[in-house]
Amino acid sequence: MSEPSSSRDAFATERRERIWRLVTERGRVRTSELARSFDVTEPTIRKDIAELESRDLLRRTHGGAVARRPMTEVPVGERERKFVVEKQHIAEACLQFIQDGDAIFLDGGTTTIQLAMLLADRGSDAPRDVKVITNSFAIGEVLGNRLDEHPVVLGGRYRPQGRCFVGPLTMRSLEQFRVDVAFIGVTGVNGDGAFAADIGEAEVKGAVARRATRVIIPMDHSKVGLTDFVEVCPLSAVDTIVTDRPDAQLTEWAGAHDVSLVYPEA
């Protein structure tokens, strides 16, 4: 039996939305890369790009597409205002992975900031004796004196776009600590790995992923299928992805790399 046309149209619409987001965030994409990411043929991707160009959302090029205007990295303050409710639910689902006495790493992602706020607000209900390591100035401010132990904020070169510290000093400081559970924010995930927009941030995230006993990526659905400038780590290095809703493509990628998927309770 052939697939109903309404289902095909829905899949095409979702794919085109993701293509547009990817071009918007990266500035440029290649047809071959998109075909691999979405597991469709290159002619199908070319039709998608043509449709998006007809709506003035991007511009076709030989072998791919580019954004209509030069794109810059979205500052963390602006990213915090997107999918706020979804990020709060994801953060709540992440709490189950934190046990008494754990040493956890929270990077400067917008969902990890929501997790820090939950830890600060739970008081006596929060896990006890949790040691928080972070390179995020914002998370250091959120947690302050709210936990049994003060958070350890790794110093280094301050990066205003992400409100976090990066660079050689940050990397050397990180080497002093063990990490039981790392919560790592990313700008995209596909079948190959997890990605970030900045080299310095990706370097810290990748180093944390290699040190941690368990690596958890908390991310909203808009990150599925996107790549970015730098790979943080291969998908095989991730233990769990916590996201707000099921996605067939993400389920396939996760299954291929033995990554567990967790969704917030309804």
C-alpha atoms as a PDB file:
ATOM      1  CA  MET A   1       0.000   0.000   0.000  1.00  0.00           C
ATOM      2  CA  SER A   2       1.359   3.436  -0.915  1.00  0.00           C
ATOM      3  CA  GLU A   3       1.776   6.111   1.726  1.00  0.00           C
ATOM      4  CA  PRO A   4      -1.152   8.585   1.880  1.00  0.00           C
ATOM      5  CA  SER A   5      -0.358  11.901   0.172  1.00  0.00           C
ATOM      6  CA  SER A   6      -1.232  13.812   3.366  1.00  0.00           C
ATOM      7  CA  SER A   7       1.525  11.927   5.256  1.00  0.00           C
ATOM      8  CA  ARG A   8       4.040  12.598   2.499  1.00  0.00           C
ATOM      9  CA  ASP A   9       3.153  16.285   2.537  1.00  0.00           C
ATOM     10  CA  ALA A  10       3.588  16.433   6.324  1.00  0.00           C
ATOM     11  CA  PHE A  11       7.034  14.794   6.165  1.00  0.00           C
ATOM     12  CA  ALA A  12       8.102  17.160   3.362  1.00  0.00           C
ATOM     13  CA  THR A  13       6.932  20.203   5.312  1.00  0.00           C
ATOM     14  CA  GLU A  14       8.845  19.152   8.427  1.00  0.00           C
ATOM     15  CA  ARG A  15      11.975  18.388   6.383  1.00  0.00           C
ATOM     16  CA  ARG A  16      11.844  21.776   4.658  1.00  0.00           C
ATOM     17  CA  GLU A  17      11.460  23.532   7.977  1.00  0.00           C
ATOM     18  CA  ARG A  18      14.586  21.776   9.238  1.00  0.00           C
ATOM     19  CA  ILE A  19      16.480  22.631   6.047  1.00  0.00           C
ATOM     20  CA  TRP A  20      15.556  26.282   6.441  1.00  0.00           C
ATOM     21  CA  ARG A  21      16.653  26.285  10.110  1.00  0.00           C
ATOM     22  CA  LEU A  22      19.937  24.642   9.185  1.00  0.00           C
ATOM     23  CA  VAL A  23      20.700  27.173   6.445  1.00  0.00           C
ATOM     24  CA  THR A  24      19.702  29.994   8.776  1.00  0.00           C
ATOM     25  CA  GLU A  25      22.019  28.814  11.551  1.00  0.00           C
ATOM     26  CA  ARG A  26      24.997  27.776   9.407  1.00  0.00           C
ATOM     27  CA  GLY A  27      24.701  30.203   6.531  1.00  0.00           C
ATOM     28  CA  ARG A  28      25.431  27.517   3.910  1.00  0.00           C
ATOM     29  CA  VAL A  29      24.600  23.826   3.330  1.00  0.00           C
ATOM     30  CA  ARG A  30      25.370  21.238   0.660  1.00  0.00           C
ATOM     31  CA  THR A  31      22.741  19.139  -1.090  1.00  0.00           C
ATOM     32  CA  SER A  32      24.714  15.929  -0.551  1.00  0.00           C
ATOM     33  CA  GLU A  33      24.980  16.548   3.193  1.00  0.00           C
ATOM     34  CA  LEU A  34      21.255  17.208   3.486  1.00  0.00           C
ATOM     35  CA  ALA A  35      20.419  14.067   1.525  1.00  0.00           C
ATOM     36  CA  ARG A  36      22.510  11.969   3.930  1.00  0.00           C
ATOM     37  CA  SER A  37      21.081  13.670   7.015  1.00  0.00           C
ATOM     38  CA  PHE A  38      17.449  13.177   5.980  1.00  0.00           C
ATOM     39  CA  ASP A  39      17.959   9.834   4.212  1.00  0.00           C
ATOM     40  CA  VAL A  40      16.373  11.016   0.963  1.00  0.00           C
ATOM     41  CA  THR A  41      17.669  11.457  -2.572  1.00  0.00           C
ATOM     42  CA  GLU A  42      19.490  14.552  -3.774  1.00  0.00           C
ATOM     43  CA  PRO A  43      16.708  15.339  -6.306  1.00  0.00           C
ATOM     44  CA  THR A  44      14.263  15.412  -3.374  1.00  0.00           C
ATOM     45  CA  ILE A  45      16.491  17.889  -1.525  1.00  0.00           C
ATOM     46  CA  ARG A  46      16.823  20.031  -4.643  1.00  0.00           C
ATOM     47  CA  LYS A  47      13.016  20.218  -4.855  1.00  0.00           C
ATOM     48  CA  ASP A  48      12.899  21.223  -1.182  1.00  0.00           C
ATOM     49  CA  ILE A  49      15.491  23.950  -1.757  1.00  0.00           C
ATOM     50  CA  ALA A  50      13.614  25.203  -4.820  1.00  0.00           C
ATOM     51  CA  GLU A  51      10.405  25.422  -2.793  1.00  0.00           C
ATOM     52  CA  LEU A  52      12.138  27.320   0.007  1.00  0.00           C
ATOM     53  CA  GLU A  53      13.749  29.679  -2.507  1.00  0.00           C
ATOM     54  CA  SER A  54      10.346  30.392  -4.056  1.00  0.00           C
ATOM     55  CA  ARG A  55       9.247  31.570  -0.592  1.00  0.00           C
ATOM     56  CA  ASP A  56      12.330  33.818  -0.364  1.00  0.00           C
ATOM     57  CA  LEU A  57      13.681  31.847   2.605  1.00  0.00           C
ATOM     58  CA  LEU A  58      17.076  30.968   1.099  1.00  0.00           C
ATOM     59  CA  ARG A  59      19.042  31.126  -2.143  1.00  0.00           C
ATOM     60  CA  ARG A  60      20.032  28.158  -4.289  1.00  0.00           C
ATOM     61  CA  THR A  61      23.675  27.698  -5.221  1.00  0.00           C
ATOM     62  CA  HIS A  62      25.548  25.101  -7.223  1.00  0.00           C
ATOM     63  CA  GLY A  63      25.484  22.036  -4.971  1.00  0.00           C
ATOM     64  CA  GLY A  64      23.503  23.528  -2.111  1.00  0.00           C
ATOM     65  CA  ALA A  65      21.943  26.651  -0.640  1.00  0.00           C
ATOM     66  CA  VAL A  66      22.912  29.754   1.309  1.00  0.00           C
ATOM     67  CA  ALA A  67      21.060  32.023   3.694  1.00  0.00           C
ATOM     68  CA  ARG A  68      19.450  35.152   2.280  1.00  0.00           C
ATOM     69  CA  ARG A  69      21.660  37.296   4.521  1.00  0.00           C
ATOM     70  CA  PRO A  70      24.883  36.652   6.434  1.00  0.00           C
ATOM     71  CA  MET A  71      24.120  34.878   9.709  1.00  0.00           C
ATOM     72  CA  THR A  72      25.823  35.341  13.045  1.00  0.00           C
ATOM     73  CA  GLU A  73      25.732  33.191  16.143  1.00  0.00           C
ATOM     74  CA  VAL A  74      22.580  33.769  18.182  1.00  0.00           C
ATOM     75  CA  PRO A  75      23.552  35.162  21.619  1.00  0.00           C
ATOM     76  CA  VAL A  76      22.616  33.017  24.607  1.00  0.00           C
ATOM     77  CA  GLY A  77      20.227  35.663  25.927  1.00  0.00           C
ATOM     78  CA  GLU A  78      18.174  35.460  22.743  1.00  0.00           C
ATOM     79  CA  ARG A  79      18.297  31.647  22.698  1.00  0.00           C
ATOM     80  CA  GLU A  80      16.969  31.566  26.259  1.00  0.00           C
ATOM     81  CA  ARG A  81      13.685  33.055  25.041  1.00  0.00           C
ATOM     82  CA  LYS A  82      12.982  30.216  22.602  1.00  0.00           C
ATOM     83  CA  PHE A  83      11.073  27.049  23.600  1.00  0.00           C
ATOM     84  CA  VAL A  84      11.145  28.115  27.247  1.00  0.00           C
ATOM     85  CA  VAL A  85       8.409  25.730  28.428  1.00  0.00           C
ATOM     86  CA  GLU A  86       9.942  22.804  26.553  1.00  0.00           C
ATOM     87  CA  LYS A  87      13.343  23.507  28.109  1.00  0.00           C
ATOM     88  CA  GLN A  88      11.822  23.644  31.573  1.00  0.00           C
ATOM     89  CA  HIS A  89      10.229  20.227  31.073  1.00  0.00           C
ATOM     90  CA  ILE A  90      13.476  18.809  29.713  1.00  0.00           C
ATOM     91  CA  ALA A  91      15.355  20.154  32.745  1.00  0.00           C
ATOM     92  CA  GLU A  92      12.848  18.503  35.087  1.00  0.00           C
ATOM     93  CA  ALA A  93      13.404  15.183  33.309  1.00  0.00           C
ATOM     94  CA  CYS A  94      17.169  15.594  33.756  1.00  0.00           C
ATOM     95  CA  LEU A  95      16.905  15.692  37.561  1.00  0.00           C
ATOM     96  CA  GLN A  96      16.450  11.913  37.704  1.00  0.00           C
ATOM     97  CA  PHE A  97      20.066  11.465  36.584  1.00  0.00           C
ATOM     98  CA  ILE A  98      21.557  13.395  39.524  1.00  0.00           C
ATOM     99  CA  GLN A  99      22.220  11.411  42.695  1.00  0.00           C
ATOM    100  CA  ASP A 100      23.406  12.446  46.163  1.00  0.00           C
ATOM    101  CA  GLY A 101      27.137  13.198  46.150  1.00  0.00           C
ATOM    102  CA  ASP A 102      27.476  13.417  42.356  1.00  0.00           C
ATOM    103  CA  ALA A 103      29.958  15.724  40.684  1.00  0.00           C
ATOM    104  CA  ILE A 104      28.111  17.159  37.699  1.00  0.00           C
ATOM    105  CA  PHE A 105      29.142  19.461  34.887  1.00  0.00           C
ATOM    106  CA  LEU A 106      26.730  22.069  33.522  1.00  0.00           C
ATOM    107  CA  ASP A 107      27.874  24.003  30.481  1.00  0.00           C
ATOM    108  CA  GLY A 108      26.455  27.294  29.251  1.00  0.00           C
ATOM    109  CA  GLY A 109      23.557  25.859  27.226  1.00  0.00           C
ATOM    110  CA  THR A 110      20.133  27.420  27.659  1.00  0.00           C
ATOM    111  CA  THR A 111      18.570  24.151  28.842  1.00  0.00           C
ATOM    112  CA  THR A 112      21.366  23.532  31.336  1.00  0.00           C
ATOM    113  CA  ILE A 113      20.645  26.987  32.780  1.00  0.00           C
ATOM    114  CA  GLN A 114      17.059  25.823  33.352  1.00  0.00           C
ATOM    115  CA  LEU A 115      18.450  22.759  35.143  1.00  0.00           C
ATOM    116  CA  ALA A 116      20.606  24.975  37.363  1.00  0.00           C
ATOM    117  CA  MET A 117      17.534  27.048  38.247  1.00  0.00           C
ATOM    118  CA  LEU A 118      15.667  23.882  39.235  1.00  0.00           C
ATOM    119  CA  LEU A 119      18.541  22.755  41.465  1.00  0.00           C
ATOM    120  CA  ALA A 120      18.621  26.176  43.100  1.00  0.00           C
ATOM    121  CA  ASP A 121      14.868  26.266  43.716  1.00  0.00           C
ATOM    122  CA  ARG A 122      14.280  22.739  45.007  1.00  0.00           C
ATOM    123  CA  GLY A 123      15.915  23.351  48.388  1.00  0.00           C
ATOM    124  CA  SER A 124      15.615  20.299  50.624  1.00  0.00           C
ATOM    125  CA  ASP A 125      14.104  18.292  47.744  1.00  0.00           C
ATOM    126  CA  ALA A 126      17.296  18.593  45.699  1.00  0.00           C
ATOM    127  CA  PRO A 127      19.946  15.837  45.709  1.00  0.00           C
ATOM    128  CA  ARG A 128      22.343  16.314  48.603  1.00  0.00           C
ATOM    129  CA  ASP A 129      26.045  17.168  48.454  1.00  0.00           C
ATOM    130  CA  VAL A 130      26.000  17.711  44.688  1.00  0.00           C
ATOM    131  CA  LYS A 131      29.174  19.325  43.399  1.00  0.00           C
ATOM    132  CA  VAL A 132      28.607  21.504  40.334  1.00  0.00           C
ATOM    133  CA  ILE A 133      31.411  22.321  37.921  1.00  0.00           C
ATOM    134  CA  THR A 134      30.662  24.825  35.170  1.00  0.00           C
ATOM    135  CA  ASN A 135      32.312  27.156  32.699  1.00  0.00           C
ATOM    136  CA  SER A 136      29.158  29.297  32.654  1.00  0.00           C
ATOM    137  CA  PHE A 137      29.150  32.647  34.444  1.00  0.00           C
ATOM    138  CA  ALA A 138      25.329  32.605  34.361  1.00  0.00           C
ATOM    139  CA  ILE A 139      25.089  29.216  36.078  1.00  0.00           C
ATOM    140  CA  GLY A 140      27.564  30.323  38.730  1.00  0.00           C
ATOM    141  CA  GLU A 141      25.283  33.276  39.467  1.00  0.00           C
ATOM    142  CA  VAL A 142      22.120  31.142  39.495  1.00  0.00           C
ATOM    143  CA  LEU A 143      23.484  28.593  41.951  1.00  0.00           C
ATOM    144  CA  GLY A 144      25.519  30.950  44.149  1.00  0.00           C
ATOM    145  CA  ASN A 145      24.916  29.857  47.749  1.00  0.00           C
ATOM    146  CA  ARG A 146      21.867  27.714  46.962  1.00  0.00           C
ATOM    147  CA  LEU A 147      23.562  24.282  47.124  1.00  0.00           C
ATOM    148  CA  ASP A 148      25.356  22.431  49.922  1.00  0.00           C
ATOM    149  CA  GLU A 149      28.616  23.347  48.187  1.00  0.00           C
ATOM    150  CA  HIS A 150      29.440  26.429  46.148  1.00  0.00           C
ATOM    151  CA  PRO A 151      29.691  25.781  42.390  1.00  0.00           C
ATOM    152  CA  VAL A 152      33.154  25.623  40.867  1.00  0.00           C
ATOM    153  CA  VAL A 153      33.334  28.069  37.952  1.00  0.00           C
ATOM    154  CA  LEU A 154      36.214  27.320  35.603  1.00  0.00           C
ATOM    155  CA  GLY A 155      38.035  30.493  34.588  1.00  0.00           C
ATOM    156  CA  GLY A 156      39.621  31.353  31.282  1.00  0.00           C
ATOM    157  CA  ARG A 157      38.871  33.609  28.339  1.00  0.00           C
ATOM    158  CA  TYR A 158      35.377  35.037  28.747  1.00  0.00           C
ATOM    159  CA  ARG A 159      33.083  34.601  25.737  1.00  0.00           C
ATOM    160  CA  PRO A 160      30.186  37.106  25.910  1.00  0.00           C
ATOM    161  CA  GLN A 161      28.078  35.391  23.206  1.00  0.00           C
ATOM    162  CA  GLY A 162      27.781  32.303  25.391  1.00  0.00           C
ATOM    163  CA  ARG A 163      28.374  33.942  28.796  1.00  0.00           C
ATOM    164  CA  CYS A 164      31.004  31.271  29.460  1.00  0.00           C
ATOM    165  CA  PHE A 165      34.747  30.707  29.783  1.00  0.00           C
ATOM    166  CA  VAL A 166      36.808  28.906  27.154  1.00  0.00           C
ATOM    167  CA  GLY A 167      40.430  28.475  26.121  1.00  0.00           C
ATOM    168  CA  PRO A 168      43.621  26.893  27.532  1.00  0.00           C
ATOM    169  CA  LEU A 169      43.061  28.045  31.129  1.00  0.00           C
ATOM    170  CA  THR A 170      39.580  26.537  31.152  1.00  0.00           C
ATOM    171  CA  MET A 171      40.869  23.280  29.717  1.00  0.00           C
ATOM    172  CA  ARG A 172      43.673  23.025  32.278  1.00  0.00           C
ATOM    173  CA  SER A 173      41.304  23.768  35.140  1.00  0.00           C
ATOM    174  CA  LEU A 174      38.936  21.054  33.963  1.00  0.00           C
ATOM    175  CA  GLU A 175      41.688  18.438  34.239  1.00  0.00           C
ATOM    176  CA  GLN A 176      41.622  18.736  38.036  1.00  0.00           C
ATOM    177  CA  PHE A 177      38.091  17.403  38.427  1.00  0.00           C
ATOM    178  CA  ARG A 178      36.230  14.151  38.052  1.00  0.00           C
ATOM    179  CA  VAL A 179      32.789  14.326  36.466  1.00  0.00           C
ATOM    180  CA  ASP A 180      30.087  11.764  37.194  1.00  0.00           C
ATOM    181  CA  VAL A 181      27.421  13.248  34.944  1.00  0.00           C
ATOM    182  CA  ALA A 182      27.893  15.892  32.260  1.00  0.00           C
ATOM    183  CA  PHE A 183      24.966  17.858  30.871  1.00  0.00           C
ATOM    184  CA  ILE A 184      26.122  19.276  27.560  1.00  0.00           C
ATOM    185  CA  GLY A 185      24.161  21.761  25.474  1.00  0.00           C
ATOM    186  CA  VAL A 186      24.481  21.583  21.696  1.00  0.00           C
ATOM    187  CA  THR A 187      23.200  23.458  18.655  1.00  0.00           C
ATOM    188  CA  GLY A 188      22.448  20.308  16.678  1.00  0.00           C
ATOM    189  CA  VAL A 189      22.540  16.514  16.576  1.00  0.00           C
ATOM    190  CA  ASN A 190      22.541  14.192  13.594  1.00  0.00           C
ATOM    191  CA  GLY A 191      23.522  10.591  12.921  1.00  0.00           C
ATOM    192  CA  ASP A 192      27.222  11.402  13.187  1.00  0.00           C
ATOM    193  CA  GLY A 193      27.455  13.477  16.323  1.00  0.00           C
ATOM    194  CA  ALA A 194      26.632  16.565  18.358  1.00  0.00           C
ATOM    195  CA  PHE A 195      27.622  20.070  17.261  1.00  0.00           C
ATOM    196  CA  ALA A 196      28.319  23.592  18.520  1.00  0.00           C
ATOM    197  CA  ALA A 197      28.766  26.961  16.853  1.00  0.00           C
ATOM    198  CA  ASP A 198      32.051  28.005  18.484  1.00  0.00           C
ATOM    199  CA  ILE A 199      35.415  26.244  18.456  1.00  0.00           C
ATOM    200  CA  GLY A 200      36.286  27.233  22.023  1.00  0.00           C
ATOM    201  CA  GLU A 201      32.969  26.083  23.472  1.00  0.00           C
ATOM    202  CA  ALA A 202      33.094  22.846  21.468  1.00  0.00           C
ATOM    203  CA  GLU A 203      36.586  22.152  22.794  1.00  0.00           C
ATOM    204  CA  VAL A 204      35.414  22.420  26.403  1.00  0.00           C
ATOM    205  CA  LYS A 205      32.258  20.395  25.772  1.00  0.00           C
ATOM    206  CA  GLY A 206      34.247  17.655  24.039  1.00  0.00           C
ATOM    207  CA  ALA A 207      36.809  17.473  26.843  1.00  0.00           C
ATOM    208  CA  VAL A 208      34.024  17.182  29.415  1.00  0.00           C
ATOM    209  CA  ALA A 209      32.369  14.409  27.386  1.00  0.00           C
ATOM    210  CA  ARG A 210      35.628  12.440  27.432  1.00  0.00           C
ATOM    211  CA  ARG A 211      36.045  12.849  31.218  1.00  0.00           C
ATOM    212  CA  ALA A 212      32.475  12.155  32.303  1.00  0.00           C
ATOM    213  CA  THR A 213      31.171   8.782  33.400  1.00  0.00           C
ATOM    214  CA  ARG A 214      27.827   9.628  31.822  1.00  0.00           C
ATOM    215  CA  VAL A 215      27.118  12.163  29.063  1.00  0.00           C
ATOM    216  CA  ILE A 216      23.626  13.614  28.737  1.00  0.00           C
ATOM    217  CA  ILE A 217      22.471  16.016  26.036  1.00  0.00           C
ATOM    218  CA  PRO A 218      19.369  18.015  27.021  1.00  0.00           C
ATOM    219  CA  MET A 219      17.918  19.599  23.875  1.00  0.00           C
ATOM    220  CA  ASP A 220      14.613  20.705  22.407  1.00  0.00           C
ATOM    221  CA  HIS A 221      13.236  19.237  19.175  1.00  0.00           C
ATOM    222  CA  SER A 222      14.515  22.096  16.991  1.00  0.00           C
ATOM    223  CA  LYS A 223      18.088  20.744  17.253  1.00  0.00           C
ATOM    224  CA  VAL A 224      17.319  17.387  15.584  1.00  0.00           C
ATOM    225  CA  GLY A 225      19.008  17.008  12.217  1.00  0.00           C
ATOM    226  CA  LEU A 226      21.073  20.205  12.497  1.00  0.00           C
ATOM    227  CA  THR A 227      24.827  20.443  12.285  1.00  0.00           C
ATOM    228  CA  ASP A 228      27.045  23.405  13.032  1.00  0.00           C
ATOM    229  CA  PHE A 229      30.584  24.681  12.677  1.00  0.00           C
ATOM    230  CA  VAL A 230      32.287  22.251  15.068  1.00  0.00           C
ATOM    231  CA  GLU A 231      31.592  18.675  16.162  1.00  0.00           C
ATOM    232  CA  VAL A 232      31.535  18.353  19.951  1.00  0.00           C
ATOM    233  CA  CYS A 233      31.660  14.561  20.077  1.00  0.00           C
ATOM    234  CA  PRO A 234      30.499  11.544  18.075  1.00  0.00           C
ATOM    235  CA  LEU A 235      27.012  10.303  18.865  1.00  0.00           C
ATOM    236  CA  SER A 236      28.553   7.090  20.212  1.00  0.00           C
ATOM    237  CA  ALA A 237      30.070   9.132  23.065  1.00  0.00           C
ATOM    238  CA  VAL A 238      26.620  10.180  24.292  1.00  0.00           C
ATOM    239  CA  ASP A 239      24.710   8.048  26.798  1.00  0.00           C
ATOM    240  CA  THR A 240      21.346   9.815  26.893  1.00  0.00           C
ATOM    241  CA  ILE A 241      19.462  12.503  25.004  1.00  0.00           C
ATOM    242  CA  VAL A 242      16.630  14.211  26.883  1.00  0.00           C
ATOM    243  CA  THR A 243      14.266  15.953  24.490  1.00  0.00           C
ATOM    244  CA  ASP A 244      10.718  17.247  24.513  1.00  0.00           C
ATOM    245  CA  ARG A 245       9.076  15.043  21.886  1.00  0.00           C
ATOM    246  CA  PRO A 246       9.714  11.862  19.868  1.00  0.00           C
ATOM    247  CA  ASP A 247      11.288  12.070  16.438  1.00  0.00           C
ATOM    248  CA  ALA A 248      11.567   9.089  14.096  1.00  0.00           C
ATOM    249  CA  GLN A 249      14.928  10.150  12.669  1.00  0.00           C
ATOM    250  CA  LEU A 250      16.435  10.769  16.093  1.00  0.00           C
ATOM    251  CA  THR A 251      15.139   7.393  17.296  1.00  0.00           C
ATOM    252  CA  GLU A 252      16.911   5.705  14.384  1.00  0.00           C
ATOM    253  CA  TRP A 253      20.199   7.503  15.014  1.00  0.00           C
ATOM    254  CA  ALA A 254      20.038   6.843  18.752  1.00  0.00           C
ATOM    255  CA  GLY A 255      19.353   3.149  18.209  1.00  0.00           C
ATOM    256  CA  ALA A 256      22.337   2.824  15.891  1.00  0.00           C
ATOM    257  CA  HIS A 257      24.672   4.240  18.567  1.00  0.00           C
ATOM    258  CA  ASP A 258      23.074   2.753  21.707  1.00  0.00           C
ATOM    259  CA  VAL A 259      21.920   6.157  22.960  1.00  0.00           C
ATOM    260  CA  SER A 260      18.884   6.161  25.242  1.00  0.00           C
ATOM    261  CA  LEU A 261      16.118   8.706  24.646  1.00  0.00           C
ATOM    262  CA  VAL A 262      14.179  10.225  27.529  1.00  0.00           C
ATOM    263  CA  TYR A 263      11.082  12.424  27.282  1.00  0.00           C
ATOM    264  CA  PRO A 264       9.434  14.550  29.983  1.00  0.00           C
ATOM    265  CA  GLU A 265       6.356  13.082  31.596  1.00  0.00           C
ATOM    266  CA  ALA A 266       3.119  14.353  30.096  1.00  0.00           C
END
